[in-house]
Amino acid sequence: MKRVKEGKSVRTAAKEKEVRRQHEEPHDFLTDSSRLEGGGVSAQQKDNLGDRIRKARGMRGLTLSDLSSRTGISVEILERVESNEMIPPLGELVKLGKAV
């Protein structure tokens, strides 16, 4: 019986540690929309990628020029991404995620 209790406490401690780690890590606004203003959103209200990038950029107070200089992506491409005219390649998405 004692072993079961010890096992539970170890699992509980591991879960608590994971929760603390999640709260301490920087958040990814592009893949986790629940961190943006308004909290979690339902599947019906989910924003497009361009909308999420625009909101994250606005939360940081960045202009398109600022984001362009941080990522090396031209302002014209960023405008097209934010207007949902194009989806950038994976490498550029990673750069955008790190910049915002």
PDB file of N, CA and C in Angstrom:
ATOM      1  N   MET A   1       0.813  -1.184   0.000  1.00  0.00           N
ATOM      2  CA  MET A   1       0.000   0.000   0.000  1.00  0.00           C
ATOM      3  C   MET A   1       0.866   1.261   0.000  1.00  0.00           C
ATOM      4  N   LYS A   2       1.949   1.209   0.726  1.00  0.00           N
ATOM      5  CA  LYS A   2       2.813   2.372   0.813  1.00  0.00           C
ATOM      6  C   LYS A   2       3.422   2.704  -0.547  1.00  0.00           C
ATOM      7  N   ARG A   3       3.780   1.673  -1.324  1.00  0.00           N
ATOM      8  CA  ARG A   3       4.361   1.907  -2.651  1.00  0.00           C
ATOM      9  C   ARG A   3       3.401   2.671  -3.558  1.00  0.00           C
ATOM     10  N   VAL A   4       2.130   2.360  -3.486  1.00  0.00           N
ATOM     11  CA  VAL A   4       1.134   3.052  -4.301  1.00  0.00           C
ATOM     12  C   VAL A   4       1.093   4.522  -3.937  1.00  0.00           C
ATOM     13  N   LYS A   5       1.105   4.809  -2.652  1.00  0.00           N
ATOM     14  CA  LYS A   5       1.079   6.207  -2.221  1.00  0.00           C
ATOM     15  C   LYS A   5       2.324   6.946  -2.683  1.00  0.00           C
ATOM     16  N   GLU A   6       3.496   6.292  -2.586  1.00  0.00           N
ATOM     17  CA  GLU A   6       4.727   6.924  -3.043  1.00  0.00           C
ATOM     18  C   GLU A   6       4.671   7.191  -4.541  1.00  0.00           C
ATOM     19  N   GLY A   7       4.153   6.233  -5.306  1.00  0.00           N
ATOM     20  CA  GLY A   7       4.026   6.397  -6.747  1.00  0.00           C
ATOM     21  C   GLY A   7       3.115   7.549  -7.106  1.00  0.00           C
ATOM     22  N   LYS A   8       2.018   7.678  -6.372  1.00  0.00           N
ATOM     23  CA  LYS A   8       1.100   8.785  -6.626  1.00  0.00           C
ATOM     24  C   LYS A   8       1.755  10.111  -6.340  1.00  0.00           C
ATOM     25  N   SER A   9       2.469  10.207  -5.242  1.00  0.00           N
ATOM     26  CA  SER A   9       3.077  11.486  -4.896  1.00  0.00           C
ATOM     27  C   SER A   9       4.151  11.867  -5.904  1.00  0.00           C
ATOM     28  N   VAL A  10       4.862  10.890  -6.432  1.00  0.00           N
ATOM     29  CA  VAL A  10       5.875  11.173  -7.450  1.00  0.00           C
ATOM     30  C   VAL A  10       5.193  11.681  -8.716  1.00  0.00           C
ATOM     31  N   ARG A  11       4.081  11.023  -9.105  1.00  0.00           N
ATOM     32  CA  ARG A  11       3.352  11.468 -10.297  1.00  0.00           C
ATOM     33  C   ARG A  11       2.757  12.855 -10.091  1.00  0.00           C
ATOM     34  N   THR A  12       2.218  13.096  -8.911  1.00  0.00           N
ATOM     35  CA  THR A  12       1.636  14.405  -8.621  1.00  0.00           C
ATOM     36  C   THR A  12       2.709  15.485  -8.658  1.00  0.00           C
ATOM     37  N   ALA A  13       3.858  15.191  -8.083  1.00  0.00           N
ATOM     38  CA  ALA A  13       4.956  16.152  -8.093  1.00  0.00           C
ATOM     39  C   ALA A  13       5.424  16.423  -9.515  1.00  0.00           C
ATOM     40  N   ALA A  14       5.466  15.390 -10.346  1.00  0.00           N
ATOM     41  CA  ALA A  14       5.889  15.565 -11.737  1.00  0.00           C
ATOM     42  C   ALA A  14       4.894  16.431 -12.494  1.00  0.00           C
ATOM     43  N   LYS A  15       3.594  16.214 -12.242  1.00  0.00           N
ATOM     44  CA  LYS A  15       2.580  17.037 -12.907  1.00  0.00           C
ATOM     45  C   LYS A  15       2.691  18.490 -12.470  1.00  0.00           C
ATOM     46  N   GLU A  16       2.884  18.715 -11.185  1.00  0.00           N
ATOM     47  CA  GLU A  16       3.016  20.087 -10.679  1.00  0.00           C
ATOM     48  C   GLU A  16       4.242  20.766 -11.286  1.00  0.00           C
ATOM     49  N   LYS A  17       5.321  20.024 -11.405  1.00  0.00           N
ATOM     50  CA  LYS A  17       6.542  20.568 -12.001  1.00  0.00           C
ATOM     51  C   LYS A  17       6.303  20.944 -13.463  1.00  0.00           C
ATOM     52  N   GLU A  18       5.583  20.103 -14.201  1.00  0.00           N
ATOM     53  CA  GLU A  18       5.269  20.376 -15.602  1.00  0.00           C
ATOM     54  C   GLU A  18       4.416  21.632 -15.738  1.00  0.00           C
ATOM     55  N   VAL A  19       3.431  21.786 -14.864  1.00  0.00           N
ATOM     56  CA  VAL A  19       2.568  22.971 -14.901  1.00  0.00           C
ATOM     57  C   VAL A  19       3.398  24.224 -14.643  1.00  0.00           C
ATOM     58  N   ARG A  20       4.279  24.174 -13.654  1.00  0.00           N
ATOM     59  CA  ARG A  20       5.139  25.330 -13.364  1.00  0.00           C
ATOM     60  C   ARG A  20       6.037  25.650 -14.545  1.00  0.00           C
ATOM     61  N   ARG A  21       6.592  24.606 -15.192  1.00  0.00           N
ATOM     62  CA  ARG A  21       7.484  24.806 -16.328  1.00  0.00           C
ATOM     63  C   ARG A  21       6.730  25.466 -17.473  1.00  0.00           C
ATOM     64  N   GLN A  22       5.487  25.053 -17.705  1.00  0.00           N
ATOM     65  CA  GLN A  22       4.699  25.633 -18.786  1.00  0.00           C
ATOM     66  C   GLN A  22       4.437  27.109 -18.544  1.00  0.00           C
ATOM     67  N   HIS A  23       4.224  27.498 -17.293  1.00  0.00           N
ATOM     68  CA  HIS A  23       3.938  28.895 -16.995  1.00  0.00           C
ATOM     69  C   HIS A  23       5.189  29.759 -17.061  1.00  0.00           C
ATOM     70  N   GLU A  24       6.357  29.168 -16.901  1.00  0.00           N
ATOM     71  CA  GLU A  24       7.599  29.926 -16.912  1.00  0.00           C
ATOM     72  C   GLU A  24       8.171  30.098 -18.310  1.00  0.00           C
ATOM     73  N   GLU A  25       7.796  29.194 -19.244  1.00  0.00           N
ATOM     74  CA  GLU A  25       8.348  29.259 -20.590  1.00  0.00           C
ATOM     75  C   GLU A  25       7.724  30.388 -21.389  1.00  0.00           C
ATOM     76  N   PRO A  26       8.485  30.966 -22.338  1.00  0.00           N
ATOM     77  CA  PRO A  26       7.877  31.952 -23.231  1.00  0.00           C
ATOM     78  C   PRO A  26       6.790  31.275 -24.055  1.00  0.00           C
ATOM     79  N   HIS A  27       5.786  32.023 -24.402  1.00  0.00           N
ATOM     80  CA  HIS A  27       4.653  31.461 -25.110  1.00  0.00           C
ATOM     81  C   HIS A  27       4.752  31.726 -26.600  1.00  0.00           C
ATOM     82  N   ASP A  28       4.241  30.797 -27.357  1.00  0.00           N
ATOM     83  CA  ASP A  28       4.237  30.883 -28.803  1.00  0.00           C
ATOM     84  C   ASP A  28       2.859  31.349 -29.258  1.00  0.00           C
ATOM     85  N   PHE A  29       2.756  32.607 -29.647  1.00  0.00           N
ATOM     86  CA  PHE A  29       1.476  33.189 -30.011  1.00  0.00           C
ATOM     87  C   PHE A  29       0.944  32.674 -31.344  1.00  0.00           C
ATOM     88  N   LEU A  30       1.803  32.128 -32.176  1.00  0.00           N
ATOM     89  CA  LEU A  30       1.349  31.695 -33.493  1.00  0.00           C
ATOM     90  C   LEU A  30       0.664  30.338 -33.445  1.00  0.00           C
ATOM     91  N   THR A  31       1.128  29.437 -32.587  1.00  0.00           N
ATOM     92  CA  THR A  31       0.522  28.112 -32.533  1.00  0.00           C
ATOM     93  C   THR A  31      -0.434  27.940 -31.377  1.00  0.00           C
ATOM     94  N   ASP A  32      -0.377  28.820 -30.378  1.00  0.00           N
ATOM     95  CA  ASP A  32      -1.256  28.712 -29.220  1.00  0.00           C
ATOM     96  C   ASP A  32      -2.077  29.980 -29.107  1.00  0.00           C
ATOM     97  N   SER A  33      -3.225  30.005 -29.755  1.00  0.00           N
ATOM     98  CA  SER A  33      -4.042  31.217 -29.798  1.00  0.00           C
ATOM     99  C   SER A  33      -4.685  31.539 -28.455  1.00  0.00           C
ATOM    100  N   SER A  34      -4.668  30.631 -27.505  1.00  0.00           N
ATOM    101  CA  SER A  34      -5.278  30.911 -26.207  1.00  0.00           C
ATOM    102  C   SER A  34      -4.494  31.965 -25.443  1.00  0.00           C
ATOM    103  N   ARG A  35      -3.272  32.236 -25.843  1.00  0.00           N
ATOM    104  CA  ARG A  35      -2.439  33.234 -25.162  1.00  0.00           C
ATOM    105  C   ARG A  35      -2.698  34.648 -25.676  1.00  0.00           C
ATOM    106  N   LEU A  36      -3.394  34.775 -26.798  1.00  0.00           N
ATOM    107  CA  LEU A  36      -3.701  36.096 -27.344  1.00  0.00           C
ATOM    108  C   LEU A  36      -4.853  36.723 -26.574  1.00  0.00           C
ATOM    109  N   GLU A  37      -5.078  38.012 -26.789  1.00  0.00           N
ATOM    110  CA  GLU A  37      -6.168  38.706 -26.125  1.00  0.00           C
ATOM    111  C   GLU A  37      -7.468  37.956 -26.330  1.00  0.00           C
ATOM    112  N   GLY A  38      -8.289  37.915 -25.311  1.00  0.00           N
ATOM    113  CA  GLY A  38      -9.565  37.230 -25.411  1.00  0.00           C
ATOM    114  C   GLY A  38      -9.509  35.792 -24.957  1.00  0.00           C
ATOM    115  N   GLY A  39      -8.330  35.302 -24.562  1.00  0.00           N
ATOM    116  CA  GLY A  39      -8.221  33.943 -24.049  1.00  0.00           C
ATOM    117  C   GLY A  39      -8.440  32.907 -25.123  1.00  0.00           C
ATOM    118  N   GLY A  40      -8.899  31.730 -24.700  1.00  0.00           N
ATOM    119  CA  GLY A  40      -9.121  30.627 -25.626  1.00  0.00           C
ATOM    120  C   GLY A  40     -10.255  30.942 -26.576  1.00  0.00           C
ATOM    121  N   VAL A  41     -10.178  30.392 -27.766  1.00  0.00           N
ATOM    122  CA  VAL A  41     -11.213  30.602 -28.772  1.00  0.00           C
ATOM    123  C   VAL A  41     -11.728  29.257 -29.234  1.00  0.00           C
ATOM    124  N   SER A  42     -12.973  29.215 -29.615  1.00  0.00           N
ATOM    125  CA  SER A  42     -13.533  27.971 -30.128  1.00  0.00           C
ATOM    126  C   SER A  42     -13.050  27.760 -31.557  1.00  0.00           C
ATOM    127  N   ALA A  43     -13.274  26.569 -32.070  1.00  0.00           N
ATOM    128  CA  ALA A  43     -12.838  26.251 -33.436  1.00  0.00           C
ATOM    129  C   ALA A  43     -13.521  27.155 -34.452  1.00  0.00           C
ATOM    130  N   GLN A  44     -14.751  27.597 -34.162  1.00  0.00           N
ATOM    131  CA  GLN A  44     -15.470  28.455 -35.093  1.00  0.00           C
ATOM    132  C   GLN A  44     -14.902  29.864 -35.119  1.00  0.00           C
ATOM    133  N   GLN A  45     -14.309  30.325 -34.024  1.00  0.00           N
ATOM    134  CA  GLN A  45     -13.801  31.689 -33.930  1.00  0.00           C
ATOM    135  C   GLN A  45     -12.310  31.777 -34.225  1.00  0.00           C
ATOM    136  N   LYS A  46     -11.671  30.692 -34.578  1.00  0.00           N
ATOM    137  CA  LYS A  46     -10.229  30.668 -34.758  1.00  0.00           C
ATOM    138  C   LYS A  46      -9.797  31.638 -35.856  1.00  0.00           C
ATOM    139  N   ASP A  47      -8.776  32.445 -35.563  1.00  0.00           N
ATOM    140  CA  ASP A  47      -8.260  33.405 -36.531  1.00  0.00           C
ATOM    141  C   ASP A  47      -7.361  32.710 -37.539  1.00  0.00           C
ATOM    142  N   ASN A  48      -7.228  33.326 -38.689  1.00  0.00           N
ATOM    143  CA  ASN A  48      -6.269  32.864 -39.686  1.00  0.00           C
ATOM    144  C   ASN A  48      -4.864  33.203 -39.210  1.00  0.00           C
ATOM    145  N   LEU A  49      -3.887  32.576 -39.838  1.00  0.00           N
ATOM    146  CA  LEU A  49      -2.497  32.796 -39.463  1.00  0.00           C
ATOM    147  C   LEU A  49      -2.123  34.272 -39.548  1.00  0.00           C
ATOM    148  N   GLY A  50      -2.506  34.928 -40.634  1.00  0.00           N
ATOM    149  CA  GLY A  50      -2.177  36.340 -40.813  1.00  0.00           C
ATOM    150  C   GLY A  50      -2.768  37.211 -39.722  1.00  0.00           C
ATOM    151  N   ASP A  51      -4.005  36.906 -39.323  1.00  0.00           N
ATOM    152  CA  ASP A  51      -4.648  37.664 -38.246  1.00  0.00           C
ATOM    153  C   ASP A  51      -3.908  37.476 -36.927  1.00  0.00           C
ATOM    154  N   ARG A  52      -3.469  36.253 -36.672  1.00  0.00           N
ATOM    155  CA  ARG A  52      -2.750  35.971 -35.427  1.00  0.00           C
ATOM    156  C   ARG A  52      -1.396  36.657 -35.405  1.00  0.00           C
ATOM    157  N   ILE A  53      -0.725  36.695 -36.553  1.00  0.00           N
ATOM    158  CA  ILE A  53       0.564  37.389 -36.621  1.00  0.00           C
ATOM    159  C   ILE A  53       0.352  38.884 -36.388  1.00  0.00           C
ATOM    160  N   ARG A  54      -0.671  39.460 -37.016  1.00  0.00           N
ATOM    161  CA  ARG A  54      -0.965  40.885 -36.851  1.00  0.00           C
ATOM    162  C   ARG A  54      -1.255  41.208 -35.378  1.00  0.00           C
ATOM    163  N   LYS A  55      -2.065  40.372 -34.722  1.00  0.00           N
ATOM    164  CA  LYS A  55      -2.392  40.608 -33.305  1.00  0.00           C
ATOM    165  C   LYS A  55      -1.153  40.510 -32.426  1.00  0.00           C
ATOM    166  N   ALA A  56      -0.337  39.485 -32.669  1.00  0.00           N
ATOM    167  CA  ALA A  56       0.879  39.317 -31.867  1.00  0.00           C
ATOM    168  C   ALA A  56       1.833  40.487 -32.084  1.00  0.00           C
ATOM    169  N   ARG A  57       1.943  40.928 -33.327  1.00  0.00           N
ATOM    170  CA  ARG A  57       2.808  42.089 -33.635  1.00  0.00           C
ATOM    171  C   ARG A  57       2.277  43.332 -32.935  1.00  0.00           C
ATOM    172  N   GLY A  58       0.956  43.516 -32.957  1.00  0.00           N
ATOM    173  CA  GLY A  58       0.345  44.659 -32.279  1.00  0.00           C
ATOM    174  C   GLY A  58       0.547  44.622 -30.774  1.00  0.00           C
ATOM    175  N   MET A  59       0.467  43.435 -30.186  1.00  0.00           N
ATOM    176  CA  MET A  59       0.677  43.305 -28.743  1.00  0.00           C
ATOM    177  C   MET A  59       2.087  43.715 -28.347  1.00  0.00           C
ATOM    178  N   ARG A  60       3.030  43.499 -29.241  1.00  0.00           N
ATOM    179  CA  ARG A  60       4.428  43.868 -28.973  1.00  0.00           C
ATOM    180  C   ARG A  60       4.741  45.301 -29.391  1.00  0.00           C
ATOM    181  N   GLY A  61       3.788  45.964 -30.055  1.00  0.00           N
ATOM    182  CA  GLY A  61       4.002  47.339 -30.502  1.00  0.00           C
ATOM    183  C   GLY A  61       4.976  47.440 -31.663  1.00  0.00           C
ATOM    184  N   LEU A  62       5.017  46.411 -32.499  1.00  0.00           N
ATOM    185  CA  LEU A  62       5.948  46.393 -33.628  1.00  0.00           C
ATOM    186  C   LEU A  62       5.260  46.840 -34.910  1.00  0.00           C
ATOM    187  N   THR A  63       5.981  47.566 -35.741  1.00  0.00           N
ATOM    188  CA  THR A  63       5.487  47.910 -37.073  1.00  0.00           C
ATOM    189  C   THR A  63       5.922  46.810 -38.035  1.00  0.00           C
ATOM    190  N   LEU A  64       5.397  46.862 -39.250  1.00  0.00           N
ATOM    191  CA  LEU A  64       5.838  45.898 -40.263  1.00  0.00           C
ATOM    192  C   LEU A  64       7.333  46.054 -40.541  1.00  0.00           C
ATOM    193  N   SER A  65       7.814  47.292 -40.510  1.00  0.00           N
ATOM    194  CA  SER A  65       9.252  47.524 -40.723  1.00  0.00           C
ATOM    195  C   SER A  65      10.080  46.905 -39.608  1.00  0.00           C
ATOM    196  N   ASP A  66       9.603  47.035 -38.364  1.00  0.00           N
ATOM    197  CA  ASP A  66      10.301  46.417 -37.228  1.00  0.00           C
ATOM    198  C   ASP A  66      10.376  44.900 -37.401  1.00  0.00           C
ATOM    199  N   LEU A  67       9.237  44.310 -37.748  1.00  0.00           N
ATOM    200  CA  LEU A  67       9.183  42.865 -37.922  1.00  0.00           C
ATOM    201  C   LEU A  67      10.060  42.426 -39.093  1.00  0.00           C
ATOM    202  N   SER A  68      10.083  43.227 -40.132  1.00  0.00           N
ATOM    203  CA  SER A  68      10.921  42.929 -41.287  1.00  0.00           C
ATOM    204  C   SER A  68      12.399  42.926 -40.904  1.00  0.00           C
ATOM    205  N   SER A  69      12.808  43.913 -40.123  1.00  0.00           N
ATOM    206  CA  SER A  69      14.222  43.967 -39.725  1.00  0.00           C
ATOM    207  C   SER A  69      14.587  42.841 -38.759  1.00  0.00           C
ATOM    208  N   ARG A  70      13.638  42.377 -37.954  1.00  0.00           N
ATOM    209  CA  ARG A  70      13.902  41.279 -37.021  1.00  0.00           C
ATOM    210  C   ARG A  70      13.973  39.929 -37.729  1.00  0.00           C
ATOM    211  N   THR A  71      13.256  39.787 -38.841  1.00  0.00           N
ATOM    212  CA  THR A  71      13.152  38.486 -39.496  1.00  0.00           C
ATOM    213  C   THR A  71      13.902  38.377 -40.808  1.00  0.00           C
ATOM    214  N   GLY A  72      14.177  39.508 -41.450  1.00  0.00           N
ATOM    215  CA  GLY A  72      14.797  39.473 -42.768  1.00  0.00           C
ATOM    216  C   GLY A  72      13.785  39.222 -43.874  1.00  0.00           C
ATOM    217  N   ILE A  73      12.505  39.263 -43.536  1.00  0.00           N
ATOM    218  CA  ILE A  73      11.432  39.065 -44.517  1.00  0.00           C
ATOM    219  C   ILE A  73      10.975  40.444 -44.978  1.00  0.00           C
ATOM    220  N   SER A  74      10.807  40.630 -46.275  1.00  0.00           N
ATOM    221  CA  SER A  74      10.451  41.949 -46.792  1.00  0.00           C
ATOM    222  C   SER A  74       9.078  42.387 -46.282  1.00  0.00           C
ATOM    223  N   VAL A  75       8.887  43.700 -46.218  1.00  0.00           N
ATOM    224  CA  VAL A  75       7.622  44.274 -45.770  1.00  0.00           C
ATOM    225  C   VAL A  75       6.483  43.832 -46.687  1.00  0.00           C
ATOM    226  N   GLU A  76       6.760  43.749 -47.995  1.00  0.00           N
ATOM    227  CA  GLU A  76       5.735  43.338 -48.951  1.00  0.00           C
ATOM    228  C   GLU A  76       5.236  41.919 -48.660  1.00  0.00           C
ATOM    229  N   ILE A  77       6.155  41.021 -48.360  1.00  0.00           N
ATOM    230  CA  ILE A  77       5.773  39.640 -48.032  1.00  0.00           C
ATOM    231  C   ILE A  77       4.984  39.618 -46.729  1.00  0.00           C
ATOM    232  N   LEU A  78       5.426  40.373 -45.733  1.00  0.00           N
ATOM    233  CA  LEU A  78       4.710  40.425 -44.456  1.00  0.00           C
ATOM    234  C   LEU A  78       3.288  40.947 -44.634  1.00  0.00           C
ATOM    235  N   GLU A  79       3.134  41.951 -45.503  1.00  0.00           N
ATOM    236  CA  GLU A  79       1.791  42.481 -45.783  1.00  0.00           C
ATOM    237  C   GLU A  79       0.906  41.401 -46.395  1.00  0.00           C
ATOM    238  N   ARG A  80       1.470  40.627 -47.323  1.00  0.00           N
ATOM    239  CA  ARG A  80       0.698  39.554 -47.961  1.00  0.00           C
ATOM    240  C   ARG A  80       0.340  38.456 -46.967  1.00  0.00           C
ATOM    241  N   VAL A  81       1.265  38.157 -46.051  1.00  0.00           N
ATOM    242  CA  VAL A  81       0.998  37.133 -45.037  1.00  0.00           C
ATOM    243  C   VAL A  81      -0.108  37.603 -44.096  1.00  0.00           C
ATOM    244  N   GLU A  82      -0.010  38.847 -43.619  1.00  0.00           N
ATOM    245  CA  GLU A  82      -1.006  39.365 -42.689  1.00  0.00           C
ATOM    246  C   GLU A  82      -2.378  39.537 -43.335  1.00  0.00           C
ATOM    247  N   SER A  83      -2.420  39.734 -44.637  1.00  0.00           N
ATOM    248  CA  SER A  83      -3.708  39.857 -45.318  1.00  0.00           C
ATOM    249  C   SER A  83      -4.211  38.492 -45.796  1.00  0.00           C
ATOM    250  N   ASN A  84      -3.533  37.431 -45.385  1.00  0.00           N
ATOM    251  CA  ASN A  84      -3.897  36.047 -45.708  1.00  0.00           C
ATOM    252  C   ASN A  84      -3.878  35.756 -47.199  1.00  0.00           C
ATOM    253  N   GLU A  85      -3.040  36.472 -47.948  1.00  0.00           N
ATOM    254  CA  GLU A  85      -2.882  36.213 -49.373  1.00  0.00           C
ATOM    255  C   GLU A  85      -1.891  35.085 -49.625  1.00  0.00           C
ATOM    256  N   MET A  86      -0.995  34.847 -48.653  1.00  0.00           N
ATOM    257  CA  MET A  86      -0.012  33.780 -48.806  1.00  0.00           C
ATOM    258  C   MET A  86       0.365  33.224 -47.446  1.00  0.00           C
ATOM    259  N   ILE A  87       0.835  31.994 -47.451  1.00  0.00           N
ATOM    260  CA  ILE A  87       1.369  31.363 -46.252  1.00  0.00           C
ATOM    261  C   ILE A  87       2.865  31.221 -46.488  1.00  0.00           C
ATOM    262  N   PRO A  88       3.680  31.773 -45.600  1.00  0.00           N
ATOM    263  CA  PRO A  88       5.127  31.728 -45.818  1.00  0.00           C
ATOM    264  C   PRO A  88       5.683  30.316 -45.604  1.00  0.00           C
ATOM    265  N   PRO A  89       6.848  30.053 -46.161  1.00  0.00           N
ATOM    266  CA  PRO A  89       7.503  28.764 -45.938  1.00  0.00           C
ATOM    267  C   PRO A  89       7.808  28.559 -44.443  1.00  0.00           C
ATOM    268  N   LEU A  90       8.033  27.315 -44.071  1.00  0.00           N
ATOM    269  CA  LEU A  90       8.245  26.963 -42.675  1.00  0.00           C
ATOM    270  C   LEU A  90       9.373  27.761 -42.029  1.00  0.00           C
ATOM    271  N   GLY A  91      10.471  27.936 -42.729  1.00  0.00           N
ATOM    272  CA  GLY A  91      11.603  28.687 -42.169  1.00  0.00           C
ATOM    273  C   GLY A  91      11.223  30.109 -41.792  1.00  0.00           C
ATOM    274  N   GLU A  92      10.420  30.737 -42.633  1.00  0.00           N
ATOM    275  CA  GLU A  92       9.981  32.096 -42.350  1.00  0.00           C
ATOM    276  C   GLU A  92       8.962  32.123 -41.211  1.00  0.00           C
ATOM    277  N   LEU A  93       8.125  31.085 -41.110  1.00  0.00           N
ATOM    278  CA  LEU A  93       7.198  31.007 -39.988  1.00  0.00           C
ATOM    279  C   LEU A  93       7.955  30.900 -38.666  1.00  0.00           C
ATOM    280  N   VAL A  94       9.023  30.146 -38.662  1.00  0.00           N
ATOM    281  CA  VAL A  94       9.833  30.022 -37.449  1.00  0.00           C
ATOM    282  C   VAL A  94      10.428  31.378 -37.072  1.00  0.00           C
ATOM    283  N   LYS A  95      10.938  32.096 -38.054  1.00  0.00           N
ATOM    284  CA  LYS A  95      11.493  33.435 -37.800  1.00  0.00           C
ATOM    285  C   LYS A  95      10.419  34.362 -37.245  1.00  0.00           C
ATOM    286  N   LEU A  96       9.221  34.314 -37.825  1.00  0.00           N
ATOM    287  CA  LEU A  96       8.113  35.164 -37.353  1.00  0.00           C
ATOM    288  C   LEU A  96       7.745  34.800 -35.920  1.00  0.00           C
ATOM    289  N   GLY A  97       7.671  33.515 -35.641  1.00  0.00           N
ATOM    290  CA  GLY A  97       7.336  33.075 -34.294  1.00  0.00           C
ATOM    291  C   GLY A  97       8.319  33.557 -33.262  1.00  0.00           C
ATOM    292  N   LYS A  98       9.589  33.524 -33.594  1.00  0.00           N
ATOM    293  CA  LYS A  98      10.619  33.986 -32.658  1.00  0.00           C
ATOM    294  C   LYS A  98      10.595  35.500 -32.503  1.00  0.00           C
ATOM    295  N   ALA A  99      10.246  36.204 -33.568  1.00  0.00           N
ATOM    296  CA  ALA A  99      10.253  37.671 -33.539  1.00  0.00           C
ATOM    297  C   ALA A  99       9.088  38.253 -32.746  1.00  0.00           C
ATOM    298  N   VAL A 100       7.959  37.548 -32.721  1.00  0.00           N
ATOM    299  CA  VAL A 100       6.807  38.065 -31.994  1.00  0.00           C
ATOM    300  C   VAL A 100       6.607  37.304 -30.699  1.00  0.00           C
TER     301      VAL A 100
END
